[in-house]
Amino acid sequence: MEERSMREQLNFWVIGGDMRQVRLAGLLAADGHSVHTFALEQGERAEHVKEEAVLREAALADCVILPLPVEGETGTLNAPLSAGRRSLAQVLDSLRPGQMICGGRVSREAAALAEERGLVLRDYFRREELAVANAVPTAEGAIQIAMEELPITIHGARVLVIGYGRVGRMTAQRFQALGAKVSVSARKYADLAWAESLGLGVEQTGRLLGWLCGYDLVINTVPARVLGEAELGDLKPGCLVIDLASKPGGAGERVG
């Protein structure tokens, strides 16, 4: 049994990211793997995880795990738990063809950078089971924020969820279960039909102006600008807006 465990021990490098990557590194180390982290120095390091200052030995890894999303600001590694800013190109320069390299929400630009270096960058967020599992804590996080910030109970509150993808469906379902009066905004008629069949109200994304003033809470899940200055100005005073979308998000800044 000991010989088998030694053969299955792998060398992981977890590069960049947030507390999810910190937790992942700890779980991998707890399973007996050799785990190195880079650009996570401001996170709490788990036992048996080695924080590296340079990427010199990253090419020796059996598997390199990049963050979700891979990129932060244009061309940089997404590394909110690091004091330094590093270009994604420099990180990829430290890796070698043939390695297992994984990242989440890999942009076309990031994929192109990898291809130029002969690297295959696999997008783990394209796995449906992971995307669905990720939607659950996202929806629960929205509930927690709403409970902390709203001056009223969720039960009976009028809630609009913009977007009816995985996160939108999960969020609408959970707020509805708590007694909120939930409406969904979507572009596809099929999504609106499904939402309506589940007892949800429906709005059309792109035609929200004039219909927003009755909501106590608006939750956006669309990674595109759907709430501009005019739409935000249409909200009633005290309405809480929660943006769950990835960058650039869907809500602009309200002026005045």
Protein backbone atom coordinates (compact mmCIF):
# COMPACT_ATOMS: atom_id res chain seq x y z
CA MET A 1 0.00 0.00 0.00
CA GLU A 2 2.85 2.41 0.84
CA GLU A 3 4.56 1.65 -2.49
CA ARG A 4 1.35 2.36 -4.38
CA SER A 5 0.87 5.70 -2.58
CA MET A 6 4.38 6.79 -3.50
CA ARG A 7 3.79 5.98 -7.18
CA GLU A 8 0.56 7.99 -7.22
CA GLN A 9 2.03 11.08 -5.57
CA LEU A 10 1.97 13.95 -8.05
CA ASN A 11 3.72 17.31 -8.21
CA PHE A 12 1.14 20.14 -8.39
CA TRP A 13 1.75 23.84 -8.91
CA VAL A 14 -1.19 26.12 -8.06
CA ILE A 15 -0.51 29.51 -9.62
CA GLY A 16 -2.50 32.67 -8.85
CA GLY A 17 -6.14 32.97 -7.94
CA ASP A 18 -8.09 33.55 -4.73
CA MET A 19 -9.12 31.59 -1.64
CA ARG A 20 -10.49 28.81 -3.82
CA GLN A 21 -6.98 28.08 -5.05
CA VAL A 22 -5.64 28.32 -1.50
CA ARG A 23 -8.19 25.75 -0.37
CA LEU A 24 -7.45 23.53 -3.37
CA ALA A 25 -3.73 23.53 -2.57
CA GLY A 26 -4.49 22.44 0.97
CA LEU A 27 -6.76 19.60 -0.17
CA LEU A 28 -4.15 18.33 -2.63
CA ALA A 29 -1.48 18.41 0.06
CA ALA A 30 -3.80 16.57 2.48
CA ASP A 31 -4.12 13.83 -0.16
CA GLY A 32 -0.37 13.35 0.00
CA HIS A 33 0.71 15.19 -3.14
CA SER A 34 3.67 17.56 -3.44
CA VAL A 35 2.10 21.02 -3.73
CA HIS A 36 3.72 24.35 -4.61
CA THR A 37 1.91 27.67 -4.83
CA PHE A 38 2.92 30.88 -6.57
CA ALA A 39 1.31 34.36 -6.40
CA LEU A 40 -0.81 33.27 -3.42
CA GLU A 41 1.44 34.63 -0.68
CA GLN A 42 -1.28 36.72 0.97
CA GLY A 43 -3.50 33.68 1.49
CA GLU A 44 -3.27 31.39 4.50
CA ARG A 45 -0.91 28.59 3.57
CA ALA A 46 -1.98 25.07 4.50
CA GLU A 47 0.36 22.54 6.08
CA HIS A 48 2.84 20.89 3.69
CA VAL A 49 2.21 23.48 0.94
CA LYS A 50 5.33 25.31 -0.23
CA GLU A 51 4.96 28.93 -1.35
CA GLU A 52 7.41 29.67 -4.17
CA ALA A 53 8.86 33.08 -4.99
CA VAL A 54 9.84 32.17 -8.55
CA LEU A 55 8.56 29.83 -11.24
CA ARG A 56 11.91 28.26 -12.02
CA GLU A 57 10.80 24.70 -11.21
CA ALA A 58 7.19 24.97 -12.43
CA ALA A 59 8.16 23.11 -15.61
CA LEU A 60 8.74 20.02 -13.45
CA ALA A 61 5.12 19.86 -12.34
CA ASP A 62 2.85 17.00 -13.33
CA CYS A 63 -0.07 19.42 -13.28
CA VAL A 64 -0.26 23.23 -13.25
CA ILE A 65 -3.53 24.78 -12.07
CA LEU A 66 -4.22 28.38 -13.09
CA PRO A 67 -7.02 30.47 -11.56
CA LEU A 68 -10.67 31.10 -12.43
CA PRO A 69 -10.65 33.25 -14.49
CA VAL A 70 -7.09 32.88 -15.75
CA GLU A 71 -6.67 36.57 -16.57
CA GLY A 72 -7.06 39.56 -14.30
CA GLU A 73 -6.54 42.89 -16.02
CA THR A 74 -5.75 42.52 -19.72
CA GLY A 75 -2.72 40.34 -20.19
CA THR A 76 -2.02 39.75 -16.49
CA LEU A 77 -2.35 36.70 -14.28
CA ASN A 78 -5.42 36.82 -12.07
CA ALA A 79 -3.71 37.00 -8.66
CA PRO A 80 -5.67 39.05 -6.09
CA LEU A 81 -3.77 37.40 -3.22
CA SER A 82 -0.39 38.57 -4.47
CA ALA A 83 1.23 41.97 -4.05
CA GLY A 84 2.87 41.81 -7.46
CA ARG A 85 1.44 41.96 -10.97
CA ARG A 86 2.69 39.39 -13.46
CA SER A 87 2.00 39.05 -17.12
CA LEU A 88 0.29 35.85 -18.15
CA ALA A 89 2.85 35.47 -20.95
CA GLN A 90 5.69 35.35 -18.42
CA VAL A 91 3.91 32.66 -16.43
CA LEU A 92 3.35 30.56 -19.54
CA ASP A 93 6.99 31.03 -20.54
CA SER A 94 7.91 29.07 -17.41
CA LEU A 95 5.92 25.99 -18.42
CA ARG A 96 6.69 23.28 -20.96
CA PRO A 97 4.78 21.53 -23.75
CA GLY A 98 3.23 18.25 -22.64
CA GLN A 99 2.34 19.40 -19.14
CA MET A 100 -1.20 19.14 -17.84
CA ILE A 101 -2.13 22.84 -17.60
CA CYS A 102 -5.62 23.80 -16.43
CA GLY A 103 -7.35 27.14 -16.05
CA GLY A 104 -10.86 28.50 -15.67
CA ARG A 105 -12.72 30.73 -18.14
CA VAL A 106 -9.81 30.69 -20.56
CA SER A 107 -10.12 33.68 -22.90
CA ARG A 108 -9.21 33.57 -26.57
CA GLU A 109 -6.20 35.73 -25.82
CA ALA A 110 -4.98 33.37 -23.09
CA ALA A 111 -5.51 30.34 -25.31
CA ALA A 112 -3.57 32.05 -28.10
CA LEU A 113 -0.66 32.82 -25.76
CA ALA A 114 -0.54 29.17 -24.74
CA GLU A 115 -0.71 27.94 -28.33
CA GLU A 116 2.17 30.20 -29.35
CA ARG A 117 4.31 28.37 -26.78
CA GLY A 118 3.16 24.89 -27.76
CA LEU A 119 1.09 24.55 -24.58
CA VAL A 120 -2.38 23.05 -24.26
CA LEU A 121 -4.46 25.07 -21.78
CA ARG A 122 -7.49 23.06 -20.68
CA ASP A 123 -10.52 25.01 -19.43
CA TYR A 124 -11.89 23.19 -16.39
CA PHE A 125 -14.83 25.60 -16.17
CA ARG A 126 -16.21 24.18 -19.41
CA ARG A 127 -17.04 21.00 -17.53
CA GLU A 128 -20.77 21.14 -16.91
CA GLU A 129 -20.61 19.40 -13.52
CA LEU A 130 -18.14 21.98 -12.22
CA ALA A 131 -20.09 24.92 -13.61
CA VAL A 132 -23.30 23.70 -11.97
CA ALA A 133 -21.54 23.01 -8.67
CA ASN A 134 -20.03 26.51 -8.77
CA ALA A 135 -23.48 28.05 -9.25
CA VAL A 136 -24.66 26.77 -5.86
CA PRO A 137 -22.26 28.77 -3.61
CA THR A 138 -22.68 31.78 -5.91
CA ALA A 139 -26.44 31.75 -5.37
CA GLU A 140 -26.03 31.19 -1.65
CA GLY A 141 -23.58 34.09 -1.50
CA ALA A 142 -26.22 36.35 -3.06
CA ILE A 143 -28.70 35.24 -0.39
CA GLN A 144 -26.23 36.06 2.37
CA ILE A 145 -25.56 39.55 0.96
CA ALA A 146 -29.29 40.19 0.56
CA MET A 147 -30.01 39.12 4.14
CA GLU A 148 -27.24 41.38 5.46
CA GLU A 149 -28.01 44.45 3.34
CA LEU A 150 -31.76 44.55 2.74
CA PRO A 151 -33.87 46.42 5.31
CA ILE A 152 -36.72 43.95 4.68
CA THR A 153 -37.04 40.18 4.77
CA ILE A 154 -36.40 38.11 1.66
CA HIS A 155 -39.85 36.60 2.16
CA GLY A 156 -42.19 38.87 0.24
CA ALA A 157 -39.42 40.93 -1.38
CA ARG A 158 -39.68 41.65 -5.08
CA VAL A 159 -36.56 40.24 -6.74
CA LEU A 160 -35.38 40.47 -10.34
CA VAL A 161 -32.74 38.03 -11.57
CA ILE A 162 -31.17 39.15 -14.85
CA GLY A 163 -30.00 36.19 -16.92
CA TYR A 164 -31.26 32.62 -16.83
CA GLY A 165 -28.12 30.58 -17.23
CA ARG A 166 -26.80 28.21 -14.57
CA VAL A 167 -26.27 30.90 -11.93
CA GLY A 168 -29.48 32.72 -12.83
CA ARG A 169 -31.59 29.56 -12.57
CA MET A 170 -30.02 28.53 -9.28
CA THR A 171 -30.40 32.03 -7.81
CA ALA A 172 -34.02 32.45 -8.88
CA GLN A 173 -34.92 29.01 -7.51
CA ARG A 174 -33.39 29.67 -4.10
CA PHE A 175 -34.91 33.11 -3.63
CA GLN A 176 -38.29 31.72 -4.69
CA ALA A 177 -37.94 28.94 -2.09
CA LEU A 178 -37.42 31.62 0.58
CA GLY A 179 -40.73 33.25 -0.31
CA ALA A 180 -39.51 36.10 -2.52
CA LYS A 181 -41.61 37.25 -5.46
CA VAL A 182 -39.07 36.47 -8.17
CA SER A 183 -39.00 37.60 -11.78
CA VAL A 184 -36.43 36.59 -14.38
CA SER A 185 -35.09 38.69 -17.22
CA ALA A 186 -33.75 36.88 -20.30
CA ARG A 187 -33.36 37.36 -24.04
CA LYS A 188 -34.34 33.90 -25.22
CA TYR A 189 -38.05 33.15 -25.39
CA ALA A 190 -37.32 29.54 -24.44
CA ASP A 191 -35.74 30.71 -21.16
CA LEU A 192 -38.69 32.98 -20.43
CA ALA A 193 -41.10 30.12 -21.11
CA TRP A 194 -39.23 27.82 -18.71
CA ALA A 195 -39.16 30.51 -16.03
CA GLU A 196 -42.85 31.22 -16.41
CA SER A 197 -43.68 27.51 -16.21
CA LEU A 198 -41.95 27.44 -12.80
CA GLY A 199 -44.09 30.26 -11.45
CA LEU A 200 -41.58 33.06 -11.99
CA GLY A 201 -42.40 36.46 -13.42
CA VAL A 202 -40.65 37.37 -16.67
CA GLU A 203 -39.04 40.46 -18.17
CA GLN A 204 -37.08 40.92 -21.39
CA THR A 205 -33.43 41.84 -21.05
CA GLY A 206 -32.79 44.92 -23.16
CA ARG A 207 -36.27 46.27 -22.41
CA LEU A 208 -35.97 46.78 -18.68
CA LEU A 209 -36.18 50.57 -18.64
CA GLY A 210 -39.48 51.59 -17.12
CA TRP A 211 -40.03 48.23 -15.42
CA LEU A 212 -37.40 48.34 -12.69
CA CYS A 213 -38.97 50.72 -10.18
CA GLY A 214 -40.96 48.04 -8.34
CA TYR A 215 -38.07 45.79 -7.33
CA ASP A 216 -36.44 45.64 -3.91
CA LEU A 217 -33.49 43.60 -5.15
CA VAL A 218 -31.90 43.22 -8.60
CA ILE A 219 -29.35 40.45 -9.18
CA ASN A 220 -27.38 40.46 -12.40
CA THR A 221 -25.74 37.29 -13.74
CA VAL A 222 -25.00 38.51 -17.28
CA PRO A 223 -21.34 39.41 -18.06
CA ALA A 224 -22.33 42.32 -20.30
CA ARG A 225 -23.54 45.84 -19.59
CA VAL A 226 -27.31 45.47 -19.08
CA LEU A 227 -27.82 48.10 -16.38
CA GLY A 228 -26.65 51.47 -17.62
CA GLU A 229 -27.10 54.87 -16.04
CA ALA A 230 -30.71 55.13 -17.20
CA GLU A 231 -31.67 51.70 -15.84
CA LEU A 232 -29.96 52.35 -12.51
CA GLY A 233 -31.76 55.67 -12.28
CA ASP A 234 -35.05 53.82 -12.76
CA LEU A 235 -34.56 51.82 -9.56
CA LYS A 236 -36.49 52.88 -6.51
CA PRO A 237 -34.55 54.38 -3.58
CA GLY A 238 -33.06 51.66 -1.40
CA CYS A 239 -33.09 48.99 -4.09
CA LEU A 240 -30.11 46.67 -3.65
CA VAL A 241 -28.14 45.64 -6.76
CA ILE A 242 -25.94 42.54 -6.60
CA ASP A 243 -23.70 41.81 -9.59
CA LEU A 244 -22.73 38.13 -9.81
CA ALA A 245 -21.39 38.33 -13.35
CA SER A 246 -17.75 37.89 -14.25
CA LYS A 247 -15.82 40.92 -15.52
CA PRO A 248 -16.78 43.41 -16.83
CA GLY A 249 -20.03 42.79 -14.97
CA GLY A 250 -23.42 44.07 -16.01
CA ALA A 251 -24.02 47.15 -13.88
CA GLY A 252 -22.62 50.60 -14.59
CA GLU A 253 -22.13 53.38 -12.08
CA ARG A 254 -25.09 55.47 -11.08
CA VAL A 255 -24.46 59.17 -11.40
CA GLY A 256 -25.92 61.63 -8.91
